[in-house]
N, C-alpha and C. Protein backbone atom coordinates (compact mmCIF):
# COMPACT_ATOMS: atom_id res chain seq x y z
N MET A 1 10.77 3.77 3.01
CA MET A 1 10.17 2.66 2.33
C MET A 1 10.08 3.10 0.96
N LEU A 2 9.49 4.35 0.79
CA LEU A 2 9.39 4.67 -0.71
C LEU A 2 10.69 5.44 -1.48
N GLY A 3 10.58 5.20 -2.52
CA GLY A 3 11.54 5.80 -3.42
C GLY A 3 11.52 7.43 -3.36
N PRO A 4 12.70 8.07 -3.74
CA PRO A 4 12.29 9.63 -4.10
C PRO A 4 11.53 10.23 -5.08
N ASP A 5 11.01 9.01 -5.98
CA ASP A 5 10.13 9.44 -7.13
C ASP A 5 8.76 8.96 -6.71
N ASP A 6 8.55 8.18 -5.51
CA ASP A 6 7.17 7.51 -5.21
C ASP A 6 6.42 8.54 -4.61
N ASP A 7 5.23 8.20 -4.41
CA ASP A 7 4.12 9.02 -3.67
C ASP A 7 3.03 8.35 -2.95
N ILE A 8 2.43 8.49 -1.88
CA ILE A 8 1.32 8.06 -1.45
C ILE A 8 0.05 8.75 -2.07
N THR A 9 -0.86 8.09 -2.74
CA THR A 9 -1.76 8.70 -3.40
C THR A 9 -3.22 8.27 -2.82
N LEU A 10 -3.20 7.54 -1.73
CA LEU A 10 -4.40 7.35 -0.87
C LEU A 10 -3.99 7.02 0.37
N PHE A 11 -4.55 7.40 1.35
CA PHE A 11 -4.39 7.08 2.84
C PHE A 11 -5.81 7.00 3.56
N GLU A 12 -6.25 6.16 3.96
CA GLU A 12 -7.58 5.89 4.55
C GLU A 12 -7.81 4.97 5.56
N TYR A 13 -7.97 5.37 7.13
CA TYR A 13 -8.03 4.29 8.03
C TYR A 13 -9.40 3.60 7.40
N VAL A 14 -9.10 1.75 7.79
CA VAL A 14 -10.16 1.21 7.75
C VAL A 14 -11.46 1.39 8.66
N LYS A 15 -10.73 1.76 9.78
CA LYS A 15 -11.55 1.80 11.24
C LYS A 15 -11.52 3.07 11.77
N LYS A 16 -12.48 3.72 12.17
CA LYS A 16 -11.96 5.00 12.89
C LYS A 16 -11.48 5.04 14.38
N SER A 17 -11.67 4.06 15.01
CA SER A 17 -11.21 3.82 16.11
C SER A 17 -9.75 2.67 16.29
N ASN A 18 -9.13 2.87 17.15
CA ASN A 18 -7.62 2.02 16.91
C ASN A 18 -6.70 2.56 15.87
N ARG A 19 -6.52 3.84 15.61
CA ARG A 19 -5.67 4.01 14.39
C ARG A 19 -4.09 3.70 14.54
N GLU A 20 -3.81 3.51 15.71
CA GLU A 20 -2.49 3.52 16.08
C GLU A 20 -2.02 1.84 15.52
N VAL A 21 -2.86 1.22 15.77
CA VAL A 21 -2.48 -0.30 15.36
C VAL A 21 -3.67 -0.74 14.45
N GLY A 22 -4.64 -0.13 13.88
CA GLY A 22 -5.84 -0.69 13.28
C GLY A 22 -5.10 -0.78 11.55
N PRO A 23 -5.95 -1.32 10.95
CA PRO A 23 -5.56 -1.17 9.51
C PRO A 23 -5.86 -0.17 8.60
N ALA A 24 -5.09 0.13 7.54
CA ALA A 24 -5.35 1.28 6.69
C ALA A 24 -5.31 0.87 5.35
N LEU A 25 -5.98 1.41 4.24
CA LEU A 25 -5.78 1.35 3.04
C LEU A 25 -4.72 2.41 2.37
N VAL A 26 -3.80 1.94 1.81
CA VAL A 26 -2.57 2.82 1.28
C VAL A 26 -2.32 2.70 -0.11
N GLY A 27 -2.60 3.75 -1.06
CA GLY A 27 -2.57 3.40 -2.45
C GLY A 27 -1.10 4.50 -2.29
N ILE A 28 -0.20 3.63 -3.36
CA ILE A 28 1.18 4.10 -3.65
C ILE A 28 1.24 4.15 -5.04
N GLU A 29 1.95 5.28 -5.84
CA GLU A 29 2.37 5.46 -7.05
C GLU A 29 3.58 5.35 -7.22
N LEU A 30 4.27 4.70 -8.02
CA LEU A 30 5.77 4.44 -8.28
C LEU A 30 6.35 5.28 -9.28
N GLY A 31 7.37 5.98 -9.10
CA GLY A 31 7.99 6.87 -10.23
C GLY A 31 8.38 5.80 -11.32
N ASP A 32 9.03 4.57 -11.03
CA ASP A 32 9.30 3.67 -11.99
C ASP A 32 8.72 2.56 -11.81
N PRO A 33 7.93 1.79 -12.53
CA PRO A 33 7.26 0.53 -12.06
C PRO A 33 8.06 -0.64 -11.54
N ALA A 34 9.52 -0.53 -12.40
CA ALA A 34 10.46 -1.48 -12.24
C ALA A 34 11.01 -1.51 -10.60
N GLU A 35 10.65 -0.45 -10.14
CA GLU A 35 10.95 -0.51 -8.47
C GLU A 35 10.03 -1.10 -7.42
N LEU A 36 8.78 -1.83 -8.19
CA LEU A 36 7.95 -2.63 -7.41
C LEU A 36 8.71 -3.66 -6.60
N PRO A 37 9.53 -4.65 -7.11
CA PRO A 37 10.01 -5.73 -6.35
C PRO A 37 10.98 -5.10 -5.14
N GLY A 38 11.72 -4.11 -5.53
CA GLY A 38 12.31 -3.53 -4.47
C GLY A 38 11.36 -3.10 -3.13
N LEU A 39 10.20 -2.47 -3.61
CA LEU A 39 9.45 -1.79 -2.71
C LEU A 39 8.73 -3.07 -1.82
N MET A 40 8.46 -4.03 -2.53
CA MET A 40 7.58 -5.16 -1.86
C MET A 40 8.54 -5.91 -1.12
N GLU A 41 9.95 -5.95 -1.30
CA GLU A 41 11.14 -6.87 -0.31
C GLU A 41 11.26 -5.61 0.92
N ARG A 42 11.18 -4.38 0.78
CA ARG A 42 11.22 -3.55 1.75
C ARG A 42 9.88 -3.54 2.90
N LEU A 43 8.98 -3.75 2.42
CA LEU A 43 7.55 -4.04 2.95
C LEU A 43 7.70 -5.26 3.84
N ALA A 44 8.11 -6.24 3.16
CA ALA A 44 8.04 -7.81 3.63
C ALA A 44 8.91 -7.85 4.80
N ALA A 45 10.02 -6.91 4.66
CA ALA A 45 11.18 -7.08 5.77
C ALA A 45 10.47 -5.95 6.98
N SER A 46 9.50 -5.39 6.72
CA SER A 46 8.97 -4.13 7.85
C SER A 46 8.00 -5.14 8.92
N PRO A 47 7.79 -4.35 10.07
CA PRO A 47 7.07 -5.10 11.11
C PRO A 47 5.42 -5.04 10.66
N MET A 48 5.22 -4.27 9.33
CA MET A 48 3.68 -4.18 9.23
C MET A 48 3.33 -5.38 8.31
N THR A 49 1.96 -5.53 8.42
CA THR A 49 1.22 -6.55 7.79
C THR A 49 0.98 -6.05 6.28
N VAL A 50 1.14 -6.39 5.37
CA VAL A 50 0.77 -5.99 3.95
C VAL A 50 0.40 -6.83 3.33
N GLU A 51 -0.96 -6.31 2.61
CA GLU A 51 -1.65 -7.15 1.82
C GLU A 51 -2.10 -6.55 0.38
N PRO A 52 -1.19 -6.72 -0.66
CA PRO A 52 -1.36 -6.28 -1.71
C PRO A 52 -2.74 -6.34 -2.37
N ILE A 53 -3.35 -5.34 -3.45
CA ILE A 53 -4.73 -5.91 -3.74
C ILE A 53 -4.47 -5.87 -5.48
N ASP A 54 -4.94 -7.17 -6.00
CA ASP A 54 -4.62 -7.58 -7.17
C ASP A 54 -5.15 -6.61 -8.17
N PRO A 55 -4.89 -6.02 -9.16
CA PRO A 55 -5.68 -5.10 -9.99
C PRO A 55 -6.80 -5.67 -10.98
N ASP A 56 -6.44 -7.13 -11.09
CA ASP A 56 -7.84 -7.80 -11.72
C ASP A 56 -8.47 -8.40 -10.81
N GLY A 57 -8.72 -8.01 -9.69
CA GLY A 57 -9.73 -8.74 -8.72
C GLY A 57 -10.65 -8.05 -8.03
N PRO A 58 -11.81 -8.36 -7.96
CA PRO A 58 -13.09 -7.69 -7.55
C PRO A 58 -12.82 -6.61 -6.50
N PHE A 59 -11.93 -6.84 -5.31
CA PHE A 59 -12.01 -5.81 -4.47
C PHE A 59 -11.20 -4.55 -5.12
N TYR A 60 -10.40 -4.79 -6.10
CA TYR A 60 -9.82 -3.30 -6.65
C TYR A 60 -10.96 -2.50 -7.56
N ARG A 61 -11.54 -3.50 -8.05
CA ARG A 61 -12.88 -2.57 -8.68
C ARG A 61 -13.78 -2.20 -8.07
N PHE A 62 -13.84 -2.75 -6.65
CA PHE A 62 -14.76 -2.00 -5.61
C PHE A 62 -14.27 -0.59 -5.48
N LEU A 63 -12.92 -0.56 -5.21
CA LEU A 63 -12.34 0.61 -4.72
C LEU A 63 -12.33 1.87 -5.87
N ILE A 64 -12.27 1.35 -6.99
CA ILE A 64 -12.09 2.23 -7.96
C ILE A 64 -13.33 3.09 -8.51
């Protein structure tokens, strides 16, 4: 999914049980921000359920 210059900066299970199928919070740093549309397309095509977090939203500010 990730490009060669991308990195996972955060990985945290939301629930301690059911880790195999439960939700996780994942932070990704892109080597090139222009690659975001391609990453989003690959994620949409995967079997995972992905919910991007808006950096201007309250949930993002809660995390930081």
